[in-house]
């Protein structure tokens, strides 16, 4: 014979759900509460008296008896309005005042939860605001130009001997030809860069990196307003110069620079004819000095000239029409030059699969979607905009989940308040308004704190992201309105679930205390915690992969020794004294070797690309190959090793017509046997005098002379060092003393500024962008984990409080402290394990796609996931343990008195 249920057990029994729903659907709303309340009361009495099974049957019969027309009849609208008119309708301001007063009281009453919610939301909002600033700035590049929607850059693509060529510039005559033949082209302007210049003003000599030479209509195509000078005529004459406002102030202070002169390196004196506003940071090029294009040699042959070319279309004219016309340029203008340069007819050239063409890039897409050879400045990647946008959403999602989770759990503590309010006449709409008001109020308090955090963190964020944001960027009209609307939406969305759950409580159920039981085991709460840890673990995995890839690039053998190499800049200013200065430095005790090194595999360096013609027996081919000009000390100074043959030597006068290849060039040119003794020719500018033949005397082992994003390309090393820089292989621990000695000798030879760098530092700057991205992801991952832990801490505190009496009973019955801590931790560890299973494949796939951008990359290892899971578990255990240990150590007598 079974034992009858006790009163506490009857509380856990519930009537058949379908019968309840049938009752709620059929019975009129104004009768439902009375009828259902009576039936539930009877059901719980019967559970004790006759057992749960018979009680349920009786409940079903009672429900069926209620399916009569009397219970189904709805109230007419008239009585309702009558009842409503019995009470004065409160003023909106009075209602809001009441809502706010109650909201502040409740938030103050639960200070700990309020603090956790506000801090969590504030961190999420502050992070989101910073990322939004970053993303909006990335998307704003070149959109400020008046005709940005009609501005395009002409780029060149080609295919030579099965190799693709993608260049950011076009042939020199391309622009003018487009203007003549395309009626839809309204204007064309060109830009050339000629490297850095030593600019002399009076006795001062300053090295200027950002110098460009442009057509006279440059300032009418781009929106850089002229502050002084005539915009139309400023750059019409040769040797004229327009300065930006900052550079003009740097050289001439507050005096008017118009008509004054500056000496521009070997180009001579330039007359200042204009001052323009500084080029905005969100431009795909960054120049401070604009010289007239006529001041430099541009060339007039298609295949031996180049310039960055921009076209502005007429309104209503499509770029496809321009592209169609440009396809005919190769046969119309370049056929004779192809014969001249490559020794074959156009049809033979095309038959071999070769070809040239033009691509027109919208100027607004260059910064995020262009990665061509010879870009004017390093561009970003649209992928990072997507990644950071997703991170911002995830972090905001974490903060909102925290709020919803804590509010939902906290609702168990306010259920009686809701029941009493309903009994006293509150309708659902008023309760929903009250709880949404609390939610929005809390969101705006968090926004205030978030703005304070942004103000505090902005300098550090600028340094990390390489930007120059100010607080004004956030407080401008559109941004501020957007932030306020976003916070209002977040507050309403985040508070909607708790508000509607709380307001749906039935007074009789709440006042009987049964609602708390159901709230303690909420599946939604577990789902939200799982989502939080999916995001956190995913970001930890991304951080680990990014850091491992960066470490791999920094530690990978690059084929040369970048340590203890000092690079002296601008040594060409020494002129004929350079060789003596080089020999003088080589005699220093701390200097092992010195080489002329205008071409270096890291940092700012000379660049050269040559057309190379190979004749290997019956096989011939033309290749576009990068080349270095080095002296006989170059290989030993940089630690580059020979694979075959020998190095250049002064002992062999014929080495002026010798060349070294790297191993990639040997593979590219298809030399099956040793290339030593083979000959190759440079194409030059198409004239006979510019063509030279060289004999291969050696092969150097491959070394990374470009970023590891790219595979090692073919490279030629010609004999004849570039005077632009000196590389010193040093061996000393007292670098300041060595630098002081070298500077003294430099100043004894020239008045030009002494500038130097170290090769390993120049190498690291090649990956500055990747390091910056890695650091940002690491910080955001840390913030995501912190927000998740804040939520977990609050959740653990509340649930531990809810189970205080249960813990007391367990201790009285003999449970150990360890078993109680294990009990409280187990639920969270299960959720983290599920989150790890979900996050691992997603993060693994995303990071595998990211790694595909690197020609040399790591493999995604299993231990990345194990480490991320271990870290998440460790952080969660540390977060929850405090509450668990505190509850386990509590005196059971106090625990049993809590309710």
Foldseek 3Di string as FASTA:
>chain_A
DDDQDDLVVLLVDDADPVLLVVLVVQFAPVCSLVLVLVLRVQLSVCCRVPNNVVSNVVSSVSSVVCNDVVRRDYDDVVVVVVVVVVDDDDDPVVLLVVLVVVLVVVCVVVVLLLVLLLQLLLLLLLLLVLLVVVLVLQLCFQVPWPQLVQKWWKWKWKAFLNDIATGLWFFPCVQVVLVVPPPFWPDKKWKDDDAWWFKDDPNATDIFGFEMEMALCVCVRGPFAWPDADSNCQAPDAQEKEFEPVVCCVRPNPDDQAQPWMQTHPLGIHGYGTYTHADDPSYQAHHGMYHHNVSDDADDARVQGITTMMTGTDPPDDVVSSQVVQVCCCVVRPQVVCCLLVVDGPVVCVVSVIDMGIDIGSRSCCQAPDDHPPRNDHHHHVVVSVVSNVLSVLSSLLSLLLLLLLLLLCLLVCLLVLLVCVVVPDALVSQLVSQLSSLLVSLVSSNVVSLVVSQVCVVVSCVLQVHDDDSCVCPDDVNVVVSSVVSSVSSCVSRVVSSNVSSPDSNVSVVVSSVNVVSLPDPVSLVSLLSLLLSLLLLLLLLVQLVVFLVCQLPPAQQWDQPQKKKWFQQCVLPPCSVVLLVVLCPDPFFPHKWQPQQFLFAHHDWDWFWKWFDDPPDITIDTAIEAAIAQCVCVLGVWAFPDFDTDDPVDPLLQQAKEKEPQVCVVVVPPDDQAQGKMWTSASSDPVRIGMHGYGTYIYFGRSAGQLDDGHIYMYGYDGDNRMMMTRGHDPPVVVSVVVSQVVVVVRDPHDIDMDGRSVRRVVNCSNSVSSSVSSVVSSVSSLVSSLSSLLSSLLSSLLVCLLVLLVVVVVPDALVVQLCVSLVSSLVSLVVSLVVNVVVSQVVVVVVQNSGPDGDHSDPVSSVVSSVVSSVSSCVSNVVSSNVSSPDNSVVSNPPD
